[in-house]
Amino acid sequence: MFRPVVRFRQPSAMPGFGLTFGFTLAYFSLIILIPLLALVLRASGLGWAGFWAGATDPRVLAALRTSFLTALFAAGVNVVFGTLIAWVLVRYRFVGRRVFDAMVDLPFALPTAVAGIALTALYAPNGLIGQLVAPLGWRIAYTPAGIVIAMIFIGLPFVVRTVQPILEETTREVEEASAMLGASRFQTIVRVLLPGLLPAILTGFALAFARAVGEYGSVIFIAGNIPFVSEIAPLLIVIRLEEFNYPGAAVIATVMLLISFLMLFLINLVQAWSRGRYGHGE
């Protein structure tokens, strides 16, 4: 005699999709969407002509150029050295490794103002490092070079902590198999290891870049804040607010938002392409 099989859905530990999705959407809107929408609406209150005039002001363009170029350079440096640091922490065992590993997270916990003061004390013309390079005619603090150093300091952990877990999942057998097939060490790194690390490296780059673009506390102490030379866009926003020019501050913030969104969108496209290209798609 045929008996129909009745299958019961296993109860989920979490509430239903409708409730969780509604809570997620409400929380996301309150924390991110509504503030960003308010920012854009405040900037649009000037009209297109006023918005364009504020966005193309020479001082604003110089500050935006300084912020984004230094952030890109700092994120690029962090990609190289952050990946090397992650490699050393995963592949080697040495005395003090755990201490060194813990110190990578120090920029996360250290107040940005403290970091800025410490970096300025080191790289100022009379600082420990600044006075060594001063006879060579090099000046680090109070220049764009000082901004890059501060951005490297606060962005390095993002690359290390993003690449490190992927390296830990990559077994040595893959490298040994590559060597047994006749590949050189360079070929193993470029053709075997790097493709698997590329999505994580791009993610670390995006996080370090986004963190550096919006950095304020650690940069203003070492930047010198000279208009058209070493003035960053976040500082110019603060200056506009102190002048009670709230629409002008909103214009600068909106332009930064648009440029950052566009660059992160392009990075995500490249990241998605790399995952599909090298077989790491979800």
C-alpha atoms as a PDB file:
ATOM      1  CA  MET A   1       0.000   0.000   0.000  1.00  0.00           C
ATOM      2  CA  PHE A   2       1.408   3.382  -0.997  1.00  0.00           C
ATOM      3  CA  ARG A   3       1.944   5.795   1.849  1.00  0.00           C
ATOM      4  CA  PRO A   4       2.808   9.407   1.026  1.00  0.00           C
ATOM      5  CA  VAL A   5       5.945  10.672   2.634  1.00  0.00           C
ATOM      6  CA  VAL A   6       5.316  13.801   4.629  1.00  0.00           C
ATOM      7  CA  ARG A   7       8.350  15.976   5.131  1.00  0.00           C
ATOM      8  CA  PHE A   8       8.339  18.666   7.743  1.00  0.00           C
ATOM      9  CA  ARG A   9      10.478  21.733   7.448  1.00  0.00           C
ATOM     10  CA  GLN A  10      13.127  21.882  10.100  1.00  0.00           C
ATOM     11  CA  PRO A  11      12.560  24.875  12.356  1.00  0.00           C
ATOM     12  CA  SER A  12      15.170  27.591  11.943  1.00  0.00           C
ATOM     13  CA  ALA A  13      17.062  29.002  14.851  1.00  0.00           C
ATOM     14  CA  MET A  14      16.587  32.469  13.362  1.00  0.00           C
ATOM     15  CA  PRO A  15      13.251  34.229  12.778  1.00  0.00           C
ATOM     16  CA  GLY A  16      11.586  34.183   9.365  1.00  0.00           C
ATOM     17  CA  PHE A  17      12.963  35.923   6.302  1.00  0.00           C
ATOM     18  CA  GLY A  18      10.388  38.704   6.393  1.00  0.00           C
ATOM     19  CA  LEU A  19      11.212  39.746   9.926  1.00  0.00           C
ATOM     20  CA  THR A  20      14.990  39.552   9.555  1.00  0.00           C
ATOM     21  CA  PHE A  21      14.958  41.279   6.159  1.00  0.00           C
ATOM     22  CA  GLY A  22      12.736  44.052   7.491  1.00  0.00           C
ATOM     23  CA  PHE A  23      14.997  44.589  10.492  1.00  0.00           C
ATOM     24  CA  THR A  24      18.074  44.577   8.253  1.00  0.00           C
ATOM     25  CA  LEU A  25      16.564  47.076   5.833  1.00  0.00           C
ATOM     26  CA  ALA A  26      15.405  49.368   8.647  1.00  0.00           C
ATOM     27  CA  TYR A  27      18.789  49.266  10.382  1.00  0.00           C
ATOM     28  CA  PHE A  28      20.661  49.827   7.095  1.00  0.00           C
ATOM     29  CA  SER A  29      18.411  52.762   6.248  1.00  0.00           C
ATOM     30  CA  LEU A  30      18.791  54.446   9.645  1.00  0.00           C
ATOM     31  CA  ILE A  31      22.563  54.039   9.806  1.00  0.00           C
ATOM     32  CA  ILE A  32      23.597  54.530   6.166  1.00  0.00           C
ATOM     33  CA  LEU A  33      20.929  55.418   3.626  1.00  0.00           C
ATOM     34  CA  ILE A  34      19.091  58.196   5.462  1.00  0.00           C
ATOM     35  CA  PRO A  35      22.250  60.107   6.523  1.00  0.00           C
ATOM     36  CA  LEU A  36      23.667  59.873   3.003  1.00  0.00           C
ATOM     37  CA  LEU A  37      20.355  60.984   1.511  1.00  0.00           C
ATOM     38  CA  ALA A  38      20.241  63.933   3.909  1.00  0.00           C
ATOM     39  CA  LEU A  39      23.780  64.873   2.836  1.00  0.00           C
ATOM     40  CA  VAL A  40      22.875  64.819  -0.846  1.00  0.00           C
ATOM     41  CA  LEU A  41      19.676  66.788  -0.257  1.00  0.00           C
ATOM     42  CA  ARG A  42      21.565  69.439   1.695  1.00  0.00           C
ATOM     43  CA  ALA A  43      24.072  69.818  -1.120  1.00  0.00           C
ATOM     44  CA  SER A  44      21.347  69.892  -3.781  1.00  0.00           C
ATOM     45  CA  GLY A  45      19.705  72.819  -1.989  1.00  0.00           C
ATOM     46  CA  LEU A  46      22.261  75.077  -3.675  1.00  0.00           C
ATOM     47  CA  GLY A  47      20.958  74.183  -7.109  1.00  0.00           C
ATOM     48  CA  TRP A  48      23.059  72.786  -9.915  1.00  0.00           C
ATOM     49  CA  ALA A  49      24.895  76.070 -10.506  1.00  0.00           C
ATOM     50  CA  GLY A  50      25.757  76.489  -6.829  1.00  0.00           C
ATOM     51  CA  PHE A  51      26.762  72.846  -6.484  1.00  0.00           C
ATOM     52  CA  TRP A  52      29.025  73.039  -9.525  1.00  0.00           C
ATOM     53  CA  ALA A  53      30.601  76.281  -8.327  1.00  0.00           C
ATOM     54  CA  GLY A  54      31.339  74.768  -4.924  1.00  0.00           C
ATOM     55  CA  ALA A  55      32.656  71.504  -6.362  1.00  0.00           C
ATOM     56  CA  THR A  56      34.957  73.181  -8.899  1.00  0.00           C
ATOM     57  CA  ASP A  57      36.403  75.730  -6.506  1.00  0.00           C
ATOM     58  CA  PRO A  58      40.216  75.601  -6.965  1.00  0.00           C
ATOM     59  CA  ARG A  59      40.840  75.016  -3.269  1.00  0.00           C
ATOM     60  CA  VAL A  60      38.283  72.199  -3.173  1.00  0.00           C
ATOM     61  CA  LEU A  61      39.771  70.538  -6.260  1.00  0.00           C
ATOM     62  CA  ALA A  62      43.265  70.767  -4.771  1.00  0.00           C
ATOM     63  CA  ALA A  63      42.098  69.213  -1.490  1.00  0.00           C
ATOM     64  CA  LEU A  64      40.271  66.411  -3.309  1.00  0.00           C
ATOM     65  CA  ARG A  65      43.292  65.733  -5.467  1.00  0.00           C
ATOM     66  CA  THR A  66      45.543  65.564  -2.416  1.00  0.00           C
ATOM     67  CA  SER A  67      43.208  63.232  -0.529  1.00  0.00           C
ATOM     68  CA  PHE A  68      42.561  60.756  -3.329  1.00  0.00           C
ATOM     69  CA  LEU A  69      46.056  60.633  -4.822  1.00  0.00           C
ATOM     70  CA  THR A  70      47.744  60.143  -1.456  1.00  0.00           C
ATOM     71  CA  ALA A  71      45.126  57.537  -0.485  1.00  0.00           C
ATOM     72  CA  LEU A  72      45.699  55.613  -3.722  1.00  0.00           C
ATOM     73  CA  PHE A  73      49.461  55.681  -3.269  1.00  0.00           C
ATOM     74  CA  ALA A  74      49.228  54.640   0.387  1.00  0.00           C
ATOM     75  CA  ALA A  75      46.833  51.784  -0.446  1.00  0.00           C
ATOM     76  CA  GLY A  76      49.196  50.589  -3.186  1.00  0.00           C
ATOM     77  CA  VAL A  77      52.137  50.549  -0.769  1.00  0.00           C
ATOM     78  CA  ASN A  78      50.030  48.707   1.796  1.00  0.00           C
ATOM     79  CA  VAL A  79      49.098  46.053  -0.771  1.00  0.00           C
ATOM     80  CA  VAL A  80      52.766  45.216  -1.371  1.00  0.00           C
ATOM     81  CA  PHE A  81      54.060  45.299   2.186  1.00  0.00           C
ATOM     82  CA  GLY A  82      50.825  44.095   3.778  1.00  0.00           C
ATOM     83  CA  THR A  83      50.903  40.971   1.617  1.00  0.00           C
ATOM     84  CA  LEU A  84      54.561  40.392   2.524  1.00  0.00           C
ATOM     85  CA  ILE A  85      53.802  40.761   6.223  1.00  0.00           C
ATOM     86  CA  ALA A  86      50.886  38.350   5.970  1.00  0.00           C
ATOM     87  CA  TRP A  87      53.150  35.875   4.159  1.00  0.00           C
ATOM     88  CA  VAL A  88      55.804  36.062   6.881  1.00  0.00           C
ATOM     89  CA  LEU A  89      53.243  35.653   9.673  1.00  0.00           C
ATOM     90  CA  VAL A  90      51.670  32.596   8.031  1.00  0.00           C
ATOM     91  CA  ARG A  91      54.645  30.807   6.502  1.00  0.00           C
ATOM     92  CA  TYR A  92      57.347  31.286   9.153  1.00  0.00           C
ATOM     93  CA  ARG A  93      57.753  30.666  12.872  1.00  0.00           C
ATOM     94  CA  PHE A  94      60.140  32.919  14.765  1.00  0.00           C
ATOM     95  CA  VAL A  95      60.700  34.352  18.214  1.00  0.00           C
ATOM     96  CA  GLY A  96      58.252  37.150  18.958  1.00  0.00           C
ATOM     97  CA  ARG A  97      55.889  36.181  16.144  1.00  0.00           C
ATOM     98  CA  ARG A  98      52.776  36.434  18.326  1.00  0.00           C
ATOM     99  CA  VAL A  99      53.823  39.872  19.572  1.00  0.00           C
ATOM    100  CA  PHE A 100      54.488  41.024  16.024  1.00  0.00           C
ATOM    101  CA  ASP A 101      51.127  39.619  14.916  1.00  0.00           C
ATOM    102  CA  ALA A 102      49.341  41.488  17.700  1.00  0.00           C
ATOM    103  CA  MET A 103      51.115  44.746  16.841  1.00  0.00           C
ATOM    104  CA  VAL A 104      49.607  44.670  13.353  1.00  0.00           C
ATOM    105  CA  ASP A 105      46.248  45.517  14.929  1.00  0.00           C
ATOM    106  CA  LEU A 106      47.674  48.457  16.888  1.00  0.00           C
ATOM    107  CA  PRO A 107      46.394  51.115  14.414  1.00  0.00           C
ATOM    108  CA  PHE A 108      42.874  49.759  15.019  1.00  0.00           C
ATOM    109  CA  ALA A 109      43.054  50.419  18.755  1.00  0.00           C
ATOM    110  CA  LEU A 110      45.266  53.508  18.806  1.00  0.00           C
ATOM    111  CA  PRO A 111      43.421  56.849  18.727  1.00  0.00           C
ATOM    112  CA  THR A 112      44.112  58.567  15.444  1.00  0.00           C
ATOM    113  CA  ALA A 113      45.198  61.781  17.141  1.00  0.00           C
ATOM    114  CA  VAL A 114      47.807  59.867  19.137  1.00  0.00           C
ATOM    115  CA  ALA A 115      49.070  58.272  15.934  1.00  0.00           C
ATOM    116  CA  GLY A 116      49.311  61.670  14.258  1.00  0.00           C
ATOM    117  CA  ILE A 117      51.246  63.205  17.126  1.00  0.00           C
ATOM    118  CA  ALA A 118      53.630  60.232  17.267  1.00  0.00           C
ATOM    119  CA  LEU A 119      54.274  60.304  13.519  1.00  0.00           C
ATOM    120  CA  THR A 120      54.833  64.058  13.585  1.00  0.00           C
ATOM    121  CA  ALA A 121      57.340  63.702  16.425  1.00  0.00           C
ATOM    122  CA  LEU A 122      59.241  61.151  14.352  1.00  0.00           C
ATOM    123  CA  TYR A 123      59.186  62.806  10.940  1.00  0.00           C
ATOM    124  CA  ALA A 124      59.306  66.515  11.841  1.00  0.00           C
ATOM    125  CA  PRO A 125      62.520  68.320  10.826  1.00  0.00           C
ATOM    126  CA  ASN A 126      63.753  68.039  14.420  1.00  0.00           C
ATOM    127  CA  GLY A 127      62.329  64.535  14.928  1.00  0.00           C
ATOM    128  CA  LEU A 128      64.179  61.269  15.266  1.00  0.00           C
ATOM    129  CA  ILE A 129      63.856  60.357  11.585  1.00  0.00           C
ATOM    130  CA  GLY A 130      63.254  63.826  10.176  1.00  0.00           C
ATOM    131  CA  GLN A 131      66.581  65.167  11.356  1.00  0.00           C
ATOM    132  CA  LEU A 132      68.387  62.280   9.659  1.00  0.00           C
ATOM    133  CA  VAL A 133      66.960  63.040   6.222  1.00  0.00           C
ATOM    134  CA  ALA A 134      66.951  66.835   6.592  1.00  0.00           C
ATOM    135  CA  PRO A 135      70.628  67.192   5.505  1.00  0.00           C
ATOM    136  CA  LEU A 136      69.682  65.418   2.257  1.00  0.00           C
ATOM    137  CA  GLY A 137      67.097  68.107   1.554  1.00  0.00           C
ATOM    138  CA  TRP A 138      64.193  65.771   2.244  1.00  0.00           C
ATOM    139  CA  ARG A 139      61.218  66.985   4.170  1.00  0.00           C
ATOM    140  CA  ILE A 140      58.600  64.465   5.235  1.00  0.00           C
ATOM    141  CA  ALA A 141      56.359  66.105   7.798  1.00  0.00           C
ATOM    142  CA  TYR A 142      54.123  68.976   6.671  1.00  0.00           C
ATOM    143  CA  THR A 143      54.180  67.720   3.072  1.00  0.00           C
ATOM    144  CA  PRO A 144      52.102  65.224   1.054  1.00  0.00           C
ATOM    145  CA  ALA A 145      54.759  62.620   1.934  1.00  0.00           C
ATOM    146  CA  GLY A 146      53.738  62.924   5.577  1.00  0.00           C
ATOM    147  CA  ILE A 147      50.092  62.397   4.594  1.00  0.00           C
ATOM    148  CA  VAL A 148      51.046  59.186   2.766  1.00  0.00           C
ATOM    149  CA  ILE A 149      52.939  57.871   5.804  1.00  0.00           C
ATOM    150  CA  ALA A 150      49.971  58.509   8.090  1.00  0.00           C
ATOM    151  CA  MET A 151      47.628  56.781   5.632  1.00  0.00           C
ATOM    152  CA  ILE A 152      49.967  53.813   5.335  1.00  0.00           C
ATOM    153  CA  PHE A 153      50.021  53.509   9.115  1.00  0.00           C
ATOM    154  CA  ILE A 154      46.251  53.391   9.518  1.00  0.00           C
ATOM    155  CA  GLY A 155      45.575  51.264   6.411  1.00  0.00           C
ATOM    156  CA  LEU A 156      48.156  48.481   6.746  1.00  0.00           C
ATOM    157  CA  PRO A 157      46.097  46.213   9.070  1.00  0.00           C
ATOM    158  CA  PHE A 158      43.267  46.027   6.538  1.00  0.00           C
ATOM    159  CA  VAL A 159      45.495  44.381   3.934  1.00  0.00           C
ATOM    160  CA  VAL A 160      47.260  42.064   6.378  1.00  0.00           C
ATOM    161  CA  ARG A 161      44.067  40.811   8.012  1.00  0.00           C
ATOM    162  CA  THR A 162      42.342  40.326   4.662  1.00  0.00           C
ATOM    163  CA  VAL A 163      45.147  38.375   2.993  1.00  0.00           C
ATOM    164  CA  GLN A 164      46.270  36.389   6.051  1.00  0.00           C
ATOM    165  CA  PRO A 165      43.242  34.011   6.283  1.00  0.00           C
ATOM    166  CA  ILE A 166      43.500  33.136   2.582  1.00  0.00           C
ATOM    167  CA  LEU A 167      47.188  32.325   2.965  1.00  0.00           C
ATOM    168  CA  GLU A 168      46.397  30.096   5.929  1.00  0.00           C
ATOM    169  CA  GLU A 169      43.957  28.117   3.767  1.00  0.00           C
ATOM    170  CA  THR A 170      46.546  27.687   1.008  1.00  0.00           C
ATOM    171  CA  THR A 171      48.459  24.524   1.838  1.00  0.00           C
ATOM    172  CA  ARG A 172      52.131  23.995   1.122  1.00  0.00           C
ATOM    173  CA  GLU A 173      51.234  20.988  -1.043  1.00  0.00           C
ATOM    174  CA  VAL A 174      50.191  23.395  -3.786  1.00  0.00           C
ATOM    175  CA  GLU A 175      53.642  24.985  -3.803  1.00  0.00           C
ATOM    176  CA  GLU A 176      55.348  21.595  -3.658  1.00  0.00           C
ATOM    177  CA  ALA A 177      53.288  20.314  -6.577  1.00  0.00           C
ATOM    178  CA  SER A 178      54.197  23.380  -8.596  1.00  0.00           C
ATOM    179  CA  ALA A 179      57.893  22.871  -7.840  1.00  0.00           C
ATOM    180  CA  MET A 180      57.689  19.165  -8.787  1.00  0.00           C
ATOM    181  CA  LEU A 181      56.212  20.151 -12.152  1.00  0.00           C
ATOM    182  CA  GLY A 182      59.285  22.271 -12.822  1.00  0.00           C
ATOM    183  CA  ALA A 183      58.016  25.744 -11.963  1.00  0.00           C
ATOM    184  CA  SER A 184      60.467  28.219 -10.516  1.00  0.00           C
ATOM    185  CA  ARG A 185      59.774  30.029  -7.263  1.00  0.00           C
ATOM    186  CA  PHE A 186      58.767  33.162  -9.153  1.00  0.00           C
ATOM    187  CA  GLN A 187      56.428  31.207 -11.424  1.00  0.00           C
ATOM    188  CA  THR A 188      54.843  29.527  -8.402  1.00  0.00           C
ATOM    189  CA  ILE A 189      54.145  32.870  -6.780  1.00  0.00           C
ATOM    190  CA  VAL A 190      52.835  34.580  -9.921  1.00  0.00           C
ATOM    191  CA  ARG A 191      50.867  31.731 -11.513  1.00  0.00           C
ATOM    192  CA  VAL A 192      49.824  29.589  -8.563  1.00  0.00           C
ATOM    193  CA  LEU A 193      49.621  31.643  -5.370  1.00  0.00           C
ATOM    194  CA  LEU A 194      48.871  35.161  -6.623  1.00  0.00           C
ATOM    195  CA  PRO A 195      45.667  34.303  -8.565  1.00  0.00           C
ATOM    196  CA  GLY A 196      44.158  32.778  -5.434  1.00  0.00           C
ATOM    197  CA  LEU A 197      45.184  35.795  -3.358  1.00  0.00           C
ATOM    198  CA  LEU A 198      44.069  38.425  -5.862  1.00  0.00           C
ATOM    199  CA  PRO A 199      40.448  38.815  -4.634  1.00  0.00           C
ATOM    200  CA  ALA A 200      41.658  39.181  -1.039  1.00  0.00           C
ATOM    201  CA  ILE A 201      44.359  41.642  -2.097  1.00  0.00           C
ATOM    202  CA  LEU A 202      41.799  43.746  -3.964  1.00  0.00           C
ATOM    203  CA  THR A 203      39.514  43.685  -0.933  1.00  0.00           C
ATOM    204  CA  GLY A 204      42.361  44.823   1.298  1.00  0.00           C
ATOM    205  CA  PHE A 205      43.223  47.560  -1.182  1.00  0.00           C
ATOM    206  CA  ALA A 206      39.625  48.793  -1.228  1.00  0.00           C
ATOM    207  CA  LEU A 207      39.394  48.820   2.565  1.00  0.00           C
ATOM    208  CA  ALA A 208      42.743  50.576   2.989  1.00  0.00           C
ATOM    209  CA  PHE A 209      41.840  53.129   0.321  1.00  0.00           C
ATOM    210  CA  ALA A 210      38.424  53.879   1.812  1.00  0.00           C
ATOM    211  CA  ARG A 211      39.942  54.228   5.279  1.00  0.00           C
ATOM    212  CA  ALA A 212      42.671  56.555   4.030  1.00  0.00           C
ATOM    213  CA  VAL A 213      40.374  58.848   2.030  1.00  0.00           C
ATOM    214  CA  GLY A 214      38.254  59.650   5.072  1.00  0.00           C
ATOM    215  CA  GLU A 215      41.129  59.815   7.552  1.00  0.00           C
ATOM    216  CA  TYR A 216      41.342  63.030   9.551  1.00  0.00           C
ATOM    217  CA  GLY A 217      42.839  62.700  13.026  1.00  0.00           C
ATOM    218  CA  SER A 218      46.214  61.181  12.198  1.00  0.00           C
ATOM    219  CA  VAL A 219      46.717  63.287   9.062  1.00  0.00           C
ATOM    220  CA  ILE A 220      46.097  66.841  10.209  1.00  0.00           C
ATOM    221  CA  PHE A 221      49.047  66.796  12.622  1.00  0.00           C
ATOM    222  CA  ILE A 222      51.619  65.700  10.052  1.00  0.00           C
ATOM    223  CA  ALA A 223      50.138  67.267   6.919  1.00  0.00           C
ATOM    224  CA  GLY A 224      50.889  70.908   7.628  1.00  0.00           C
ATOM    225  CA  ASN A 225      47.435  71.761   6.230  1.00  0.00           C
ATOM    226  CA  ILE A 226      48.736  74.206   3.643  1.00  0.00           C
ATOM    227  CA  PRO A 227      46.053  75.072   1.060  1.00  0.00           C
ATOM    228  CA  PHE A 228      46.862  73.828  -2.454  1.00  0.00           C
ATOM    229  CA  VAL A 229      49.804  71.826  -1.035  1.00  0.00           C
ATOM    230  CA  SER A 230      48.939  69.521   1.859  1.00  0.00           C
ATOM    231  CA  GLU A 231      45.337  70.290   2.752  1.00  0.00           C
ATOM    232  CA  ILE A 232      43.039  67.250   2.696  1.00  0.00           C
ATOM    233  CA  ALA A 233      39.348  67.274   1.853  1.00  0.00           C
ATOM    234  CA  PRO A 234      38.104  66.174   5.321  1.00  0.00           C
ATOM    235  CA  LEU A 235      39.948  69.123   6.860  1.00  0.00           C
ATOM    236  CA  LEU A 236      38.378  71.500   4.346  1.00  0.00           C
ATOM    237  CA  ILE A 237      34.951  70.134   5.320  1.00  0.00           C
ATOM    238  CA  VAL A 238      35.688  70.955   8.955  1.00  0.00           C
ATOM    239  CA  ILE A 239      36.844  74.446   7.949  1.00  0.00           C
ATOM    240  CA  ARG A 240      33.597  75.033   6.050  1.00  0.00           C
ATOM    241  CA  LEU A 241      31.605  73.894   9.090  1.00  0.00           C
ATOM    242  CA  GLU A 242      33.541  76.268  11.348  1.00  0.00           C
ATOM    243  CA  GLU A 243      32.659  79.047   8.910  1.00  0.00           C
ATOM    244  CA  PHE A 244      28.981  77.975   9.225  1.00  0.00           C
ATOM    245  CA  ASN A 245      29.034  77.235   5.505  1.00  0.00           C
ATOM    246  CA  TYR A 246      27.040  74.028   5.843  1.00  0.00           C
ATOM    247  CA  PRO A 247      25.997  73.794   2.166  1.00  0.00           C
ATOM    248  CA  GLY A 248      29.634  74.203   1.113  1.00  0.00           C
ATOM    249  CA  ALA A 249      30.683  71.405   3.483  1.00  0.00           C
ATOM    250  CA  ALA A 250      27.875  69.223   2.137  1.00  0.00           C
ATOM    251  CA  VAL A 251      29.050  69.827  -1.440  1.00  0.00           C
ATOM    252  CA  ILE A 252      32.589  68.660  -0.652  1.00  0.00           C
ATOM    253  CA  ALA A 253      31.291  65.635   1.240  1.00  0.00           C
ATOM    254  CA  THR A 254      28.956  64.727  -1.622  1.00  0.00           C
ATOM    255  CA  VAL A 255      31.739  64.936  -4.184  1.00  0.00           C
ATOM    256  CA  MET A 256      33.913  62.714  -1.982  1.00  0.00           C
ATOM    257  CA  LEU A 257      31.013  60.297  -1.652  1.00  0.00           C
ATOM    258  CA  LEU A 258      30.476  60.096  -5.409  1.00  0.00           C
ATOM    259  CA  ILE A 259      34.160  59.629  -6.229  1.00  0.00           C
ATOM    260  CA  SER A 260      34.629  57.034  -3.496  1.00  0.00           C
ATOM    261  CA  PHE A 261      31.539  55.118  -4.591  1.00  0.00           C
ATOM    262  CA  LEU A 262      32.704  55.104  -8.207  1.00  0.00           C
ATOM    263  CA  MET A 263      36.203  53.891  -7.324  1.00  0.00           C
ATOM    264  CA  LEU A 264      34.934  51.191  -4.961  1.00  0.00           C
ATOM    265  CA  PHE A 265      32.441  50.097  -7.607  1.00  0.00           C
ATOM    266  CA  LEU A 266      35.252  49.699 -10.145  1.00  0.00           C
ATOM    267  CA  ILE A 267      37.350  47.786  -7.604  1.00  0.00           C
ATOM    268  CA  ASN A 268      34.416  45.455  -6.940  1.00  0.00           C
ATOM    269  CA  LEU A 269      34.025  44.852 -10.662  1.00  0.00           C
ATOM    270  CA  VAL A 270      37.689  43.917 -10.962  1.00  0.00           C
ATOM    271  CA  GLN A 271      37.354  41.738  -7.874  1.00  0.00           C
ATOM    272  CA  ALA A 272      34.334  39.920  -9.325  1.00  0.00           C
ATOM    273  CA  TRP A 273      36.186  39.439 -12.614  1.00  0.00           C
ATOM    274  CA  SER A 274      39.212  37.990 -10.821  1.00  0.00           C
ATOM    275  CA  ARG A 275      37.033  35.540  -8.892  1.00  0.00           C
ATOM    276  CA  GLY A 276      35.381  34.339 -12.063  1.00  0.00           C
ATOM    277  CA  ARG A 277      38.644  34.328 -14.017  1.00  0.00           C
ATOM    278  CA  TYR A 278      40.528  32.207 -11.520  1.00  0.00           C
ATOM    279  CA  GLY A 279      37.660  30.008 -10.399  1.00  0.00           C
ATOM    280  CA  HIS A 280      36.956  31.585  -7.015  1.00  0.00           C
ATOM    281  CA  GLY A 281      33.383  32.666  -7.644  1.00  0.00           C
ATOM    282  CA  GLU A 282      30.837  31.966  -4.997  1.00  0.00           C
END
